[in-house]
Amino acid sequence: MEAEWNSKLHALSEAEQNYECQRQADQLKVSSVQRQQVLALATNFPQLWNDPGTADRERKRMVRLLIEDVTIRKGEHVQLDVRFRGGMSKTLMLPLPLSYCESHKQNPAMVAEMDRLLDDYNYADVARILNEKGFKTGDGLPLTSPAVGYIRTAYRLESRFDRLRKRGMLTIFEIARRCGVSTNTISDWRRKSRIRAHAINDRNQFLFEDPGPNPPRKHARLGRLR
């Protein structure tokens, strides 16, 4: 009885050892297959990525399968510290991206002409004149009032307001005090050309020439009839 029991224990031990050896062998086979798949993906990655038939969502999946995370550091260059799944890492150094102005440079002749026109015209008129002269934006589009404002700011040209103020122009409040009338009266005089006004922009805002020692006056009121 004891001999039979020992024989069965020995057979069980052999079976367990055989199972463990087979399990390890199967793991090696799976690992080998997976390794080949990973190598194939690495080899075909550029082809798959650049294939027009590869949808963006598939590209995102490819990235998620290969990359664990990316750390971005910005200085004189852009440094990308890429950590791949499996522990491998790589550092990439890239140039800083161009600013919008650098990648959409404006025609220097157009910028110079804009600078000259801003002495005498608001943004809408500057855009109209530049379009008539055949100028385009850096994107090859016609000039508009917002585009003139953007380019003026980007190239640090002096604003229309500052140019007029340097020439001694007054705000509506300043000229109203000078003439002793309300701002509504000043607006009425501007429409009737009783005072000289210069548009700051195309939003009905103006600066006014100094009327000097003899500013316009309101008409004297007629006395009541008796």
Protein backbone atom coordinates (compact mmCIF):
# COMPACT_ATOMS: atom_id res chain seq x y z
CA MET A 1 0.00 0.00 0.00
CA GLU A 2 2.77 2.37 0.94
CA ALA A 3 4.67 1.54 -2.26
CA GLU A 4 1.56 2.31 -4.36
CA TRP A 5 1.08 5.63 -2.56
CA ASN A 6 4.70 6.63 -3.16
CA SER A 7 4.36 5.71 -6.83
CA LYS A 8 1.32 7.98 -7.23
CA LEU A 9 3.08 10.86 -5.46
CA HIS A 10 6.02 10.45 -7.80
CA ALA A 11 3.72 10.45 -10.85
CA LEU A 12 1.98 13.61 -9.56
CA SER A 13 5.31 15.35 -9.07
CA GLU A 14 6.39 14.46 -12.60
CA ALA A 15 3.07 15.71 -13.99
CA GLU A 16 3.49 19.02 -12.16
CA GLN A 17 7.02 19.41 -13.45
CA ASN A 18 5.91 18.63 -17.01
CA TYR A 19 3.07 21.15 -16.72
CA GLU A 20 5.41 23.87 -15.45
CA CYS A 21 7.93 23.19 -18.23
CA GLN A 22 5.17 23.30 -20.85
CA ARG A 23 3.75 26.53 -19.37
CA GLN A 24 7.14 28.21 -19.50
CA ALA A 25 7.65 26.99 -23.05
CA ASP A 26 4.24 28.42 -24.03
CA GLN A 27 5.18 31.75 -22.42
CA LEU A 28 8.39 31.82 -24.42
CA LYS A 29 6.44 31.15 -27.60
CA VAL A 30 3.97 33.92 -26.85
CA SER A 31 6.76 36.31 -25.96
CA SER A 32 8.54 35.44 -29.20
CA VAL A 33 5.37 36.08 -31.24
CA GLN A 34 4.77 39.36 -29.44
CA ARG A 35 8.37 40.35 -29.99
CA GLN A 36 8.02 39.73 -33.71
CA GLN A 37 4.82 41.79 -33.80
CA VAL A 38 6.48 44.69 -32.02
CA LEU A 39 9.47 44.52 -34.38
CA ALA A 40 7.12 44.43 -37.37
CA LEU A 41 5.25 47.50 -36.07
CA ALA A 42 8.52 49.34 -35.53
CA THR A 43 9.65 48.47 -39.05
CA ASN A 44 6.34 49.40 -40.68
CA PHE A 45 5.56 52.39 -38.45
CA PRO A 46 6.62 55.11 -40.94
CA GLN A 47 4.76 53.38 -43.75
CA LEU A 48 1.60 52.97 -41.69
CA TRP A 49 1.82 56.50 -40.28
CA ASN A 50 2.23 58.13 -43.69
CA ASP A 51 -0.33 55.94 -45.41
CA PRO A 52 -3.25 58.22 -46.52
CA GLY A 53 -5.57 55.37 -45.65
CA THR A 54 -4.56 55.42 -41.98
CA ALA A 55 -7.20 57.36 -40.04
CA ASP A 56 -6.16 59.87 -37.38
CA ARG A 57 -7.75 57.74 -34.66
CA GLU A 58 -5.51 54.84 -35.73
CA ARG A 59 -2.45 57.07 -35.57
CA LYS A 60 -3.43 58.01 -32.03
CA ARG A 61 -3.72 54.32 -31.14
CA MET A 62 -0.26 53.67 -32.60
CA VAL A 63 1.21 56.43 -30.47
CA ARG A 64 -0.53 55.16 -27.33
CA LEU A 65 0.77 51.64 -27.99
CA LEU A 66 4.39 52.77 -28.29
CA ILE A 67 4.75 55.80 -25.99
CA GLU A 68 4.27 55.91 -22.23
CA ASP A 69 4.61 59.69 -21.83
CA VAL A 70 6.40 62.79 -23.17
CA THR A 71 7.89 65.63 -21.12
CA ILE A 72 8.29 68.97 -22.93
CA ARG A 73 10.86 71.57 -21.87
CA LYS A 74 11.05 74.91 -23.65
CA GLY A 75 14.18 77.07 -23.75
CA GLU A 76 16.32 78.13 -26.68
CA HIS A 77 15.06 74.89 -28.22
CA VAL A 78 12.16 72.55 -27.49
CA GLN A 79 13.35 69.44 -25.63
CA LEU A 80 11.15 66.34 -25.79
CA ASP A 81 11.90 63.55 -23.32
CA VAL A 82 10.05 60.53 -24.73
CA ARG A 83 9.54 57.43 -22.57
CA PHE A 84 8.47 54.36 -24.52
CA ARG A 85 6.53 51.41 -23.16
CA GLY A 86 9.05 48.86 -21.95
CA GLY A 87 11.40 51.39 -20.36
CA MET A 88 13.35 52.74 -23.32
CA SER A 89 13.63 56.55 -23.49
CA LYS A 90 14.88 59.10 -25.99
CA THR A 91 15.50 62.85 -25.95
CA LEU A 92 14.74 64.99 -29.01
CA MET A 93 15.86 68.59 -29.52
CA LEU A 94 13.66 70.62 -31.87
CA PRO A 95 13.83 74.27 -33.00
CA LEU A 96 11.27 76.64 -31.57
CA PRO A 97 8.24 77.04 -33.84
CA LEU A 98 8.04 80.26 -35.82
CA SER A 99 5.67 82.93 -34.60
CA TYR A 100 2.71 83.86 -36.77
CA CYS A 101 4.51 87.00 -37.97
CA GLU A 102 7.64 85.03 -38.82
CA SER A 103 5.73 82.38 -40.75
CA HIS A 104 3.47 84.96 -42.46
CA LYS A 105 5.91 87.76 -43.15
CA GLN A 106 4.41 90.91 -44.60
CA ASN A 107 5.73 92.70 -47.66
CA PRO A 108 8.18 95.34 -46.29
CA ALA A 109 7.02 97.81 -48.95
CA MET A 110 3.43 97.32 -47.83
CA VAL A 111 4.35 97.82 -44.15
CA ALA A 112 6.24 101.03 -45.03
CA GLU A 113 3.29 102.35 -47.06
CA MET A 114 0.92 101.48 -44.22
CA ASP A 115 3.12 103.42 -41.81
CA ARG A 116 2.96 106.46 -44.08
CA LEU A 117 -0.81 106.24 -44.64
CA LEU A 118 -1.60 105.99 -40.93
CA ASP A 119 -0.57 109.65 -40.61
CA ASP A 120 -3.69 110.67 -42.53
CA TYR A 121 -6.15 107.76 -42.70
CA ASN A 122 -7.99 105.38 -40.39
CA TYR A 123 -7.68 101.59 -40.68
CA ALA A 124 -10.54 101.15 -43.14
CA ASP A 125 -9.18 103.81 -45.50
CA VAL A 126 -5.64 102.46 -45.19
CA ALA A 127 -6.91 98.97 -46.12
CA ARG A 128 -8.83 100.35 -49.10
CA ILE A 129 -5.83 102.32 -50.42
CA LEU A 130 -3.43 99.41 -49.98
CA ASN A 131 -5.83 97.09 -51.82
CA GLU A 132 -6.11 99.61 -54.65
CA LYS A 133 -2.31 99.58 -54.90
CA GLY A 134 -2.31 95.79 -55.22
CA PHE A 135 -0.90 94.88 -51.82
CA LYS A 136 -1.90 91.66 -50.01
CA THR A 137 -1.45 90.29 -46.50
CA GLY A 138 1.24 87.72 -45.74
CA ASP A 139 -1.46 85.08 -46.36
CA GLY A 140 -2.12 86.51 -49.83
CA LEU A 141 -5.50 87.95 -48.81
CA PRO A 142 -6.92 91.45 -49.35
CA LEU A 143 -6.33 93.97 -46.55
CA THR A 144 -9.16 94.65 -44.11
CA SER A 145 -9.51 97.07 -41.21
CA PRO A 146 -8.77 94.33 -38.59
CA ALA A 147 -5.80 93.15 -40.66
CA VAL A 148 -4.34 96.67 -40.70
CA GLY A 149 -4.75 96.86 -36.91
CA TYR A 150 -3.10 93.48 -36.42
CA ILE A 151 -0.14 94.26 -38.72
CA ARG A 152 0.32 97.69 -37.11
CA THR A 153 0.54 96.05 -33.68
CA ALA A 154 2.76 93.18 -34.85
CA TYR A 155 5.24 95.55 -36.50
CA ARG A 156 4.98 98.10 -33.68
CA LEU A 157 3.90 100.96 -35.89
CA GLU A 158 2.68 104.03 -34.05
CA SER A 159 -1.07 104.08 -33.58
CA ARG A 160 -3.32 106.52 -35.39
CA PHE A 161 -4.42 107.97 -32.03
CA ASP A 162 -0.83 108.66 -30.91
CA ARG A 163 0.06 110.24 -34.24
CA LEU A 164 -2.84 112.68 -34.01
CA ARG A 165 -2.17 113.49 -30.37
CA LYS A 166 1.41 114.38 -31.25
CA ARG A 167 -0.01 116.86 -33.76
CA GLY A 168 -1.94 118.56 -30.96
CA MET A 169 -5.36 117.04 -31.60
CA LEU A 170 -7.92 117.18 -28.79
CA THR A 171 -10.35 114.56 -27.51
CA ILE A 172 -14.06 115.35 -27.67
CA PHE A 173 -14.05 116.09 -23.93
CA GLU A 174 -11.08 118.43 -24.19
CA ILE A 175 -12.52 120.47 -27.05
CA ALA A 176 -15.94 120.56 -25.36
CA ARG A 177 -14.33 122.17 -22.29
CA ARG A 178 -12.34 124.53 -24.49
CA CYS A 179 -15.48 125.72 -26.25
CA GLY A 180 -17.71 125.64 -23.16
CA VAL A 181 -20.29 123.35 -24.74
CA SER A 182 -21.45 119.73 -24.43
CA THR A 183 -19.97 116.81 -26.31
CA ASN A 184 -23.27 116.51 -28.21
CA THR A 185 -22.76 120.03 -29.49
CA ILE A 186 -19.22 119.15 -30.58
CA SER A 187 -20.57 116.15 -32.51
CA ASP A 188 -23.18 118.40 -34.14
CA TRP A 189 -20.51 120.97 -35.10
CA ARG A 190 -18.39 118.16 -36.57
CA ARG A 191 -21.24 116.99 -38.77
CA LYS A 192 -21.82 120.59 -39.89
CA SER A 193 -18.06 121.11 -40.48
CA ARG A 194 -17.90 123.95 -37.97
CA ILE A 195 -14.82 122.30 -36.47
CA ARG A 196 -12.21 120.07 -38.07
CA ALA A 197 -12.15 116.45 -36.96
CA HIS A 198 -9.97 113.48 -37.90
CA ALA A 199 -11.19 109.90 -37.64
CA ILE A 200 -9.20 107.66 -35.30
CA ASN A 201 -10.84 104.50 -36.61
CA ASP A 202 -13.92 103.35 -38.50
CA ARG A 203 -16.07 103.24 -35.32
CA ASN A 204 -17.10 106.90 -35.42
CA GLN A 205 -14.37 108.07 -33.01
CA PHE A 206 -12.50 111.30 -33.70
CA LEU A 207 -9.84 113.70 -32.49
CA PHE A 208 -10.27 117.40 -33.11
CA GLU A 209 -8.02 120.23 -34.23
CA ASP A 210 -7.44 122.94 -31.64
CA PRO A 211 -9.89 125.75 -32.53
CA GLY A 212 -7.42 128.40 -31.34
CA PRO A 213 -8.30 131.61 -29.50
CA ASN A 214 -11.65 132.04 -31.29
CA PRO A 215 -13.55 128.73 -30.96
CA PRO A 216 -17.07 128.42 -32.35
CA ARG A 217 -19.86 129.57 -30.10
CA LYS A 218 -23.44 128.57 -29.82
CA HIS A 219 -25.90 130.98 -31.41
CA ALA A 220 -27.26 133.44 -28.87
CA ARG A 221 -30.74 132.57 -27.77
CA LEU A 222 -33.49 134.91 -28.84
CA GLY A 223 -35.21 136.72 -25.99
CA ARG A 224 -38.81 135.92 -25.28
CA LEU A 225 -41.33 137.87 -27.27
CA ARG A 226 -43.38 140.19 -25.08
